[in-house]
Amino acid sequence: MTTGSDAGQVSLDALQKENEQLQERVRRLENILHQVPAMLYSYNNNNKAVTWCNERLSSTLGYSSVEMQGRGIDFFKDIMHPEDFKLASVAQQSFRDKKEQFGGLARVRKKGEANYRWLLGLEVPFTYNDENEVEEILCAFLDLTNAMDTDIQLSEALNAILRRQHENLFNKLTSRERDILGLAAKGMNNKEIASSLNLSRYTVETHRKNIRLKLKVRNTSELVAIARKIGIG
């Protein structure tokens, strides 16, 4: 016969065992997060302060989680290449605009080192405030410099990504701008393009300026290079 005291002891033992199992699961999940072959972290979308990171990110970049959390956006300024730092603000704004994810490539360097390494990252909203605005962002980054076992595939993947990016930019051009880009890619100068399309030279120059702005290139050489990568010319 089981007494009330015995039943209470059994119930307590069961709760203790369940608690131990839960703690073991938590330890295992934490270990997975720290050992997963990717850099994981979360940050506050308002001030860019890191709120959590796994050990792989800490060891890769040479900063403790406490150091990251206390630096705010200055942490990203220190680790990111100057030409890529603007991506931090772009990502921040994209989530304010309700974008569901933000991905891209960026160069970062370890604390105290001069050389940069390429990271491929993807960010998604993690938590929201009472106004349903994105509060925290969850990020996962892979170090492409360590992808040495599949170098051919890595090269093909990067070329495919760049080709797609260029195609997306190309789709922003008007029909007339595409015509001019195609002729420029064939080596025609402004005077020849104007004659071919029955336009004034000034109009062609204006279109080419707009094309450079839309495709984010600085000169004709870069413009022609992108056109050929897309398959124009």
C-alpha atoms as a PDB file:
ATOM      1  CA  MET A   1       0.000   0.000   0.000  1.00  0.00           C
ATOM      2  CA  THR A   2       1.368   3.407  -1.040  1.00  0.00           C
ATOM      3  CA  THR A   3       1.018   6.138   1.549  1.00  0.00           C
ATOM      4  CA  GLY A   4       0.614   9.840   0.831  1.00  0.00           C
ATOM      5  CA  SER A   5       4.178  10.340   1.898  1.00  0.00           C
ATOM      6  CA  ASP A   6       5.414   7.693  -0.542  1.00  0.00           C
ATOM      7  CA  ALA A   7       3.373   9.177  -3.396  1.00  0.00           C
ATOM      8  CA  GLY A   8       4.805  12.603  -2.658  1.00  0.00           C
ATOM      9  CA  GLN A   9       8.345  11.219  -2.715  1.00  0.00           C
ATOM     10  CA  VAL A  10       7.719   9.458  -6.034  1.00  0.00           C
ATOM     11  CA  SER A  11       6.341  12.658  -7.499  1.00  0.00           C
ATOM     12  CA  LEU A  12       9.354  14.641  -6.253  1.00  0.00           C
ATOM     13  CA  ASP A  13      11.776  12.048  -7.625  1.00  0.00           C
ATOM     14  CA  ALA A  14      10.008  12.171 -11.001  1.00  0.00           C
ATOM     15  CA  LEU A  15      10.232  15.977 -11.094  1.00  0.00           C
ATOM     16  CA  GLN A  16      13.924  15.898 -10.191  1.00  0.00           C
ATOM     17  CA  LYS A  17      14.614  13.344 -12.907  1.00  0.00           C
ATOM     18  CA  GLU A  18      12.667  15.389 -15.446  1.00  0.00           C
ATOM     19  CA  ASN A  19      14.592  18.505 -14.404  1.00  0.00           C
ATOM     20  CA  GLU A  20      17.915  16.688 -14.833  1.00  0.00           C
ATOM     21  CA  GLN A  21      16.858  15.530 -18.298  1.00  0.00           C
ATOM     22  CA  LEU A  22      15.874  19.070 -19.268  1.00  0.00           C
ATOM     23  CA  GLN A  23      19.194  20.431 -18.017  1.00  0.00           C
ATOM     24  CA  GLU A  24      21.044  17.809 -20.027  1.00  0.00           C
ATOM     25  CA  ARG A  25      19.088  18.752 -23.151  1.00  0.00           C
ATOM     26  CA  VAL A  26      19.887  22.431 -22.571  1.00  0.00           C
ATOM     27  CA  ARG A  27      23.603  21.653 -22.145  1.00  0.00           C
ATOM     28  CA  ARG A  28      23.566  19.595 -25.337  1.00  0.00           C
ATOM     29  CA  LEU A  29      21.793  22.319 -27.313  1.00  0.00           C
ATOM     30  CA  GLU A  30      24.219  24.936 -26.005  1.00  0.00           C
ATOM     31  CA  ASN A  31      27.146  22.735 -26.990  1.00  0.00           C
ATOM     32  CA  ILE A  32      25.693  22.324 -30.490  1.00  0.00           C
ATOM     33  CA  LEU A  33      25.282  26.099 -30.861  1.00  0.00           C
ATOM     34  CA  HIS A  34      28.890  26.691 -29.815  1.00  0.00           C
ATOM     35  CA  GLN A  35      30.368  23.890 -31.941  1.00  0.00           C
ATOM     36  CA  VAL A  36      28.247  24.263 -35.097  1.00  0.00           C
ATOM     37  CA  PRO A  37      30.591  25.156 -38.022  1.00  0.00           C
ATOM     38  CA  ALA A  38      29.117  28.639 -38.399  1.00  0.00           C
ATOM     39  CA  MET A  39      29.349  31.939 -36.559  1.00  0.00           C
ATOM     40  CA  LEU A  40      26.035  32.655 -34.838  1.00  0.00           C
ATOM     41  CA  TYR A  41      24.975  35.788 -33.033  1.00  0.00           C
ATOM     42  CA  SER A  42      22.027  38.094 -32.387  1.00  0.00           C
ATOM     43  CA  TYR A  43      21.989  41.873 -32.234  1.00  0.00           C
ATOM     44  CA  ASN A  44      19.618  44.679 -31.331  1.00  0.00           C
ATOM     45  CA  ASN A  45      18.326  46.278 -34.522  1.00  0.00           C
ATOM     46  CA  ASN A  46      18.128  49.742 -32.963  1.00  0.00           C
ATOM     47  CA  ASN A  47      21.660  50.183 -31.660  1.00  0.00           C
ATOM     48  CA  LYS A  48      23.448  47.272 -33.392  1.00  0.00           C
ATOM     49  CA  ALA A  49      24.673  45.932 -30.030  1.00  0.00           C
ATOM     50  CA  VAL A  50      25.412  42.194 -30.003  1.00  0.00           C
ATOM     51  CA  THR A  51      23.086  40.456 -27.519  1.00  0.00           C
ATOM     52  CA  TRP A  52      24.460  36.899 -27.791  1.00  0.00           C
ATOM     53  CA  CYS A  53      27.062  34.965 -29.774  1.00  0.00           C
ATOM     54  CA  ASN A  54      28.384  31.431 -29.971  1.00  0.00           C
ATOM     55  CA  GLU A  55      31.962  30.516 -29.102  1.00  0.00           C
ATOM     56  CA  ARG A  56      32.930  30.062 -32.767  1.00  0.00           C
ATOM     57  CA  LEU A  57      32.224  33.714 -33.515  1.00  0.00           C
ATOM     58  CA  SER A  58      34.182  34.778 -30.452  1.00  0.00           C
ATOM     59  CA  SER A  59      37.212  32.653 -31.331  1.00  0.00           C
ATOM     60  CA  THR A  60      37.111  33.617 -35.026  1.00  0.00           C
ATOM     61  CA  LEU A  61      37.036  37.358 -34.372  1.00  0.00           C
ATOM     62  CA  GLY A  62      39.077  37.461 -31.159  1.00  0.00           C
ATOM     63  CA  TYR A  63      36.490  39.287 -29.057  1.00  0.00           C
ATOM     64  CA  SER A  64      34.715  37.944 -25.993  1.00  0.00           C
ATOM     65  CA  SER A  65      30.932  38.064 -25.950  1.00  0.00           C
ATOM     66  CA  VAL A  66      31.120  40.747 -23.236  1.00  0.00           C
ATOM     67  CA  GLU A  67      33.389  42.898 -25.420  1.00  0.00           C
ATOM     68  CA  MET A  68      31.028  42.585 -28.383  1.00  0.00           C
ATOM     69  CA  GLN A  69      27.967  43.451 -26.323  1.00  0.00           C
ATOM     70  CA  GLY A  70      29.580  46.576 -24.910  1.00  0.00           C
ATOM     71  CA  ARG A  71      30.809  48.047 -28.213  1.00  0.00           C
ATOM     72  CA  GLY A  72      27.548  48.490 -30.105  1.00  0.00           C
ATOM     73  CA  ILE A  73      27.978  49.425 -33.749  1.00  0.00           C
ATOM     74  CA  ASP A  74      31.656  50.295 -33.119  1.00  0.00           C
ATOM     75  CA  PHE A  75      32.308  46.545 -32.913  1.00  0.00           C
ATOM     76  CA  PHE A  76      31.205  46.111 -36.529  1.00  0.00           C
ATOM     77  CA  LYS A  77      33.189  49.187 -37.551  1.00  0.00           C
ATOM     78  CA  ASP A  78      36.333  47.587 -36.118  1.00  0.00           C
ATOM     79  CA  ILE A  79      35.958  44.174 -37.763  1.00  0.00           C
ATOM     80  CA  MET A  80      34.438  45.041 -41.151  1.00  0.00           C
ATOM     81  CA  HIS A  81      36.273  46.256 -44.232  1.00  0.00           C
ATOM     82  CA  PRO A  82      35.623  50.015 -44.707  1.00  0.00           C
ATOM     83  CA  GLU A  83      33.943  49.378 -48.068  1.00  0.00           C
ATOM     84  CA  ASP A  84      31.612  46.790 -46.504  1.00  0.00           C
ATOM     85  CA  PHE A  85      30.754  48.582 -43.258  1.00  0.00           C
ATOM     86  CA  LYS A  86      27.823  50.358 -44.892  1.00  0.00           C
ATOM     87  CA  LEU A  87      26.117  46.950 -45.134  1.00  0.00           C
ATOM     88  CA  ALA A  88      25.537  47.086 -41.378  1.00  0.00           C
ATOM     89  CA  SER A  89      23.314  50.141 -41.767  1.00  0.00           C
ATOM     90  CA  VAL A  90      21.672  48.749 -44.903  1.00  0.00           C
ATOM     91  CA  ALA A  91      20.702  45.564 -43.050  1.00  0.00           C
ATOM     92  CA  GLN A  92      19.480  47.576 -40.086  1.00  0.00           C
ATOM     93  CA  GLN A  93      17.205  49.697 -42.277  1.00  0.00           C
ATOM     94  CA  SER A  94      15.959  46.742 -44.332  1.00  0.00           C
ATOM     95  CA  PHE A  95      14.451  45.153 -41.222  1.00  0.00           C
ATOM     96  CA  ARG A  96      12.855  48.440 -40.236  1.00  0.00           C
ATOM     97  CA  ASP A  97      11.251  48.263 -43.674  1.00  0.00           C
ATOM     98  CA  LYS A  98       9.830  44.817 -42.784  1.00  0.00           C
ATOM     99  CA  LYS A  99      12.203  42.806 -44.942  1.00  0.00           C
ATOM    100  CA  GLU A 100      12.060  39.104 -44.020  1.00  0.00           C
ATOM    101  CA  GLN A 101      15.775  38.409 -44.467  1.00  0.00           C
ATOM    102  CA  PHE A 102      19.048  40.024 -45.478  1.00  0.00           C
ATOM    103  CA  GLY A 103      21.992  38.178 -46.968  1.00  0.00           C
ATOM    104  CA  GLY A 104      25.330  38.974 -48.484  1.00  0.00           C
ATOM    105  CA  LEU A 105      29.108  38.832 -48.474  1.00  0.00           C
ATOM    106  CA  ALA A 106      31.400  40.936 -46.321  1.00  0.00           C
ATOM    107  CA  ARG A 107      35.057  41.118 -45.379  1.00  0.00           C
ATOM    108  CA  VAL A 108      35.973  40.965 -41.694  1.00  0.00           C
ATOM    109  CA  ARG A 109      39.225  40.608 -39.790  1.00  0.00           C
ATOM    110  CA  LYS A 110      40.212  39.144 -36.453  1.00  0.00           C
ATOM    111  CA  LYS A 111      41.205  41.463 -33.626  1.00  0.00           C
ATOM    112  CA  GLY A 112      44.830  42.494 -34.050  1.00  0.00           C
ATOM    113  CA  GLU A 113      45.158  41.119 -37.602  1.00  0.00           C
ATOM    114  CA  ALA A 114      45.516  43.064 -40.847  1.00  0.00           C
ATOM    115  CA  ASN A 115      44.177  40.519 -43.337  1.00  0.00           C
ATOM    116  CA  TYR A 116      40.475  40.199 -44.054  1.00  0.00           C
ATOM    117  CA  ARG A 117      38.489  37.018 -44.656  1.00  0.00           C
ATOM    118  CA  TRP A 118      35.280  36.661 -46.657  1.00  0.00           C
ATOM    119  CA  LEU A 119      32.091  35.732 -44.825  1.00  0.00           C
ATOM    120  CA  LEU A 120      28.778  34.672 -46.335  1.00  0.00           C
ATOM    121  CA  GLY A 121      25.905  35.618 -44.059  1.00  0.00           C
ATOM    122  CA  LEU A 122      22.157  35.489 -43.671  1.00  0.00           C
ATOM    123  CA  GLU A 123      20.122  37.469 -41.145  1.00  0.00           C
ATOM    124  CA  VAL A 124      16.464  37.049 -40.091  1.00  0.00           C
ATOM    125  CA  PRO A 125      14.225  38.745 -37.510  1.00  0.00           C
ATOM    126  CA  PHE A 126      14.385  37.034 -34.110  1.00  0.00           C
ATOM    127  CA  THR A 127      12.293  38.993 -31.614  1.00  0.00           C
ATOM    128  CA  TYR A 128       9.714  41.800 -31.864  1.00  0.00           C
ATOM    129  CA  ASN A 129       8.573  44.569 -29.521  1.00  0.00           C
ATOM    130  CA  ASP A 130       4.972  45.383 -28.538  1.00  0.00           C
ATOM    131  CA  GLU A 131       4.523  47.459 -31.715  1.00  0.00           C
ATOM    132  CA  ASN A 132       5.499  44.421 -33.824  1.00  0.00           C
ATOM    133  CA  GLU A 133       8.744  46.097 -34.839  1.00  0.00           C
ATOM    134  CA  VAL A 134      11.854  43.984 -35.224  1.00  0.00           C
ATOM    135  CA  GLU A 135      13.897  44.159 -32.051  1.00  0.00           C
ATOM    136  CA  GLU A 136      16.578  41.486 -32.417  1.00  0.00           C
ATOM    137  CA  ILE A 137      18.173  39.949 -35.494  1.00  0.00           C
ATOM    138  CA  LEU A 138      19.564  36.417 -35.657  1.00  0.00           C
ATOM    139  CA  CYS A 139      22.632  35.984 -37.881  1.00  0.00           C
ATOM    140  CA  ALA A 140      24.581  33.040 -39.278  1.00  0.00           C
ATOM    141  CA  PHE A 141      27.904  33.501 -41.074  1.00  0.00           C
ATOM    142  CA  LEU A 142      30.144  31.023 -42.864  1.00  0.00           C
ATOM    143  CA  ASP A 143      33.848  31.645 -43.430  1.00  0.00           C
ATOM    144  CA  LEU A 144      34.394  31.193 -47.172  1.00  0.00           C
ATOM    145  CA  THR A 145      38.172  31.237 -46.750  1.00  0.00           C
ATOM    146  CA  ASN A 146      37.852  27.826 -45.068  1.00  0.00           C
ATOM    147  CA  ALA A 147      35.941  26.298 -47.982  1.00  0.00           C
ATOM    148  CA  MET A 148      39.132  24.804 -49.411  1.00  0.00           C
ATOM    149  CA  ASP A 149      37.845  21.305 -50.156  1.00  0.00           C
ATOM    150  CA  THR A 150      35.482  22.523 -52.868  1.00  0.00           C
ATOM    151  CA  ASP A 151      37.372  25.427 -54.403  1.00  0.00           C
ATOM    152  CA  ILE A 152      36.000  24.861 -57.910  1.00  0.00           C
ATOM    153  CA  GLN A 153      32.425  24.788 -56.648  1.00  0.00           C
ATOM    154  CA  LEU A 154      33.083  27.871 -54.525  1.00  0.00           C
ATOM    155  CA  SER A 155      34.324  29.776 -57.555  1.00  0.00           C
ATOM    156  CA  GLU A 156      31.301  28.695 -59.598  1.00  0.00           C
ATOM    157  CA  ALA A 157      28.932  29.647 -56.775  1.00  0.00           C
ATOM    158  CA  LEU A 158      30.417  33.124 -56.417  1.00  0.00           C
ATOM    159  CA  ASN A 159      30.257  33.667 -60.171  1.00  0.00           C
ATOM    160  CA  ALA A 160      26.610  32.573 -60.180  1.00  0.00           C
ATOM    161  CA  ILE A 161      25.807  34.937 -57.295  1.00  0.00           C
ATOM    162  CA  LEU A 162      27.514  37.853 -59.036  1.00  0.00           C
ATOM    163  CA  ARG A 163      25.788  37.018 -62.313  1.00  0.00           C
ATOM    164  CA  ARG A 164      22.403  37.012 -60.598  1.00  0.00           C
ATOM    165  CA  GLN A 165      23.176  40.296 -58.859  1.00  0.00           C
ATOM    166  CA  HIS A 166      24.170  41.882 -62.154  1.00  0.00           C
ATOM    167  CA  GLU A 167      21.017  40.542 -63.814  1.00  0.00           C
ATOM    168  CA  ASN A 168      18.883  42.054 -61.057  1.00  0.00           C
ATOM    169  CA  LEU A 169      20.566  45.401 -61.611  1.00  0.00           C
ATOM    170  CA  PHE A 170      20.171  45.023 -65.383  1.00  0.00           C
ATOM    171  CA  ASN A 171      16.416  44.551 -64.939  1.00  0.00           C
ATOM    172  CA  LYS A 172      16.266  48.043 -63.412  1.00  0.00           C
ATOM    173  CA  LEU A 173      17.350  49.582 -66.728  1.00  0.00           C
ATOM    174  CA  THR A 174      14.830  51.032 -69.149  1.00  0.00           C
ATOM    175  CA  SER A 175      14.486  49.584 -72.651  1.00  0.00           C
ATOM    176  CA  ARG A 176      16.488  52.453 -74.141  1.00  0.00           C
ATOM    177  CA  GLU A 177      19.228  52.079 -71.508  1.00  0.00           C
ATOM    178  CA  ARG A 178      19.510  48.379 -72.351  1.00  0.00           C
ATOM    179  CA  ASP A 179      19.912  49.212 -76.030  1.00  0.00           C
ATOM    180  CA  ILE A 180      22.696  51.657 -75.254  1.00  0.00           C
ATOM    181  CA  LEU A 181      24.400  49.218 -72.888  1.00  0.00           C
ATOM    182  CA  GLY A 182      24.343  46.527 -75.559  1.00  0.00           C
ATOM    183  CA  LEU A 183      25.995  48.818 -78.112  1.00  0.00           C
ATOM    184  CA  ALA A 184      28.542  50.061 -75.572  1.00  0.00           C
ATOM    185  CA  ALA A 185      29.446  46.446 -74.803  1.00  0.00           C
ATOM    186  CA  LYS A 186      30.207  45.971 -78.502  1.00  0.00           C
ATOM    187  CA  GLY A 187      32.792  48.752 -78.275  1.00  0.00           C
ATOM    188  CA  MET A 188      30.784  51.597 -79.813  1.00  0.00           C
ATOM    189  CA  ASN A 189      31.449  55.126 -78.557  1.00  0.00           C
ATOM    190  CA  ASN A 190      28.784  57.719 -77.776  1.00  0.00           C
ATOM    191  CA  LYS A 191      28.839  59.243 -81.246  1.00  0.00           C
ATOM    192  CA  GLU A 192      28.408  55.839 -82.899  1.00  0.00           C
ATOM    193  CA  ILE A 193      25.624  54.847 -80.495  1.00  0.00           C
ATOM    194  CA  ALA A 194      23.828  58.161 -81.117  1.00  0.00           C
ATOM    195  CA  SER A 195      23.980  57.615 -84.857  1.00  0.00           C
ATOM    196  CA  SER A 196      22.801  54.004 -84.596  1.00  0.00           C
ATOM    197  CA  LEU A 197      19.794  54.851 -82.413  1.00  0.00           C
ATOM    198  CA  ASN A 198      19.041  58.221 -84.053  1.00  0.00           C
ATOM    199  CA  LEU A 199      19.659  60.096 -80.799  1.00  0.00           C
ATOM    200  CA  SER A 200      21.700  63.140 -79.895  1.00  0.00           C
ATOM    201  CA  ARG A 201      25.129  62.546 -78.405  1.00  0.00           C
ATOM    202  CA  TYR A 202      24.049  64.476 -75.296  1.00  0.00           C
ATOM    203  CA  THR A 203      21.086  62.097 -74.808  1.00  0.00           C
ATOM    204  CA  VAL A 204      23.371  59.070 -75.076  1.00  0.00           C
ATOM    205  CA  GLU A 205      25.795  60.570 -72.554  1.00  0.00           C
ATOM    206  CA  THR A 206      22.914  61.180 -70.131  1.00  0.00           C
ATOM    207  CA  HIS A 207      21.667  57.604 -70.535  1.00  0.00           C
ATOM    208  CA  ARG A 208      25.149  56.192 -69.960  1.00  0.00           C
ATOM    209  CA  LYS A 209      25.516  58.245 -66.802  1.00  0.00           C
ATOM    210  CA  ASN A 210      22.208  56.845 -65.522  1.00  0.00           C
ATOM    211  CA  ILE A 211      23.278  53.324 -66.467  1.00  0.00           C
ATOM    212  CA  ARG A 212      26.518  53.668 -64.485  1.00  0.00           C
ATOM    213  CA  LEU A 213      24.567  54.873 -61.448  1.00  0.00           C
ATOM    214  CA  LYS A 214      22.056  52.026 -61.642  1.00  0.00           C
ATOM    215  CA  LEU A 215      24.703  49.354 -62.186  1.00  0.00           C
ATOM    216  CA  LYS A 216      26.957  50.920 -59.538  1.00  0.00           C
ATOM    217  CA  VAL A 217      30.057  51.167 -61.747  1.00  0.00           C
ATOM    218  CA  ARG A 218      32.566  53.982 -61.997  1.00  0.00           C
ATOM    219  CA  ASN A 219      33.700  53.891 -65.612  1.00  0.00           C
ATOM    220  CA  THR A 220      33.124  52.415 -69.066  1.00  0.00           C
ATOM    221  CA  SER A 221      35.503  49.493 -68.491  1.00  0.00           C
ATOM    222  CA  GLU A 222      33.498  48.279 -65.482  1.00  0.00           C
ATOM    223  CA  LEU A 223      30.260  48.882 -67.387  1.00  0.00           C
ATOM    224  CA  VAL A 224      31.380  46.742 -70.312  1.00  0.00           C
ATOM    225  CA  ALA A 225      32.697  44.036 -67.942  1.00  0.00           C
ATOM    226  CA  ILE A 226      29.311  43.716 -66.223  1.00  0.00           C
ATOM    227  CA  ALA A 227      27.483  43.673 -69.548  1.00  0.00           C
ATOM    228  CA  ARG A 228      29.622  40.783 -70.769  1.00  0.00           C
ATOM    229  CA  LYS A 229      29.161  38.866 -67.525  1.00  0.00           C
ATOM    230  CA  ILE A 230      25.418  39.112 -68.024  1.00  0.00           C
ATOM    231  CA  GLY A 231      25.838  37.943 -71.611  1.00  0.00           C
ATOM    232  CA  ILE A 232      25.482  41.247 -73.449  1.00  0.00           C
ATOM    233  CA  GLY A 233      27.895  42.184 -76.191  1.00  0.00           C
END
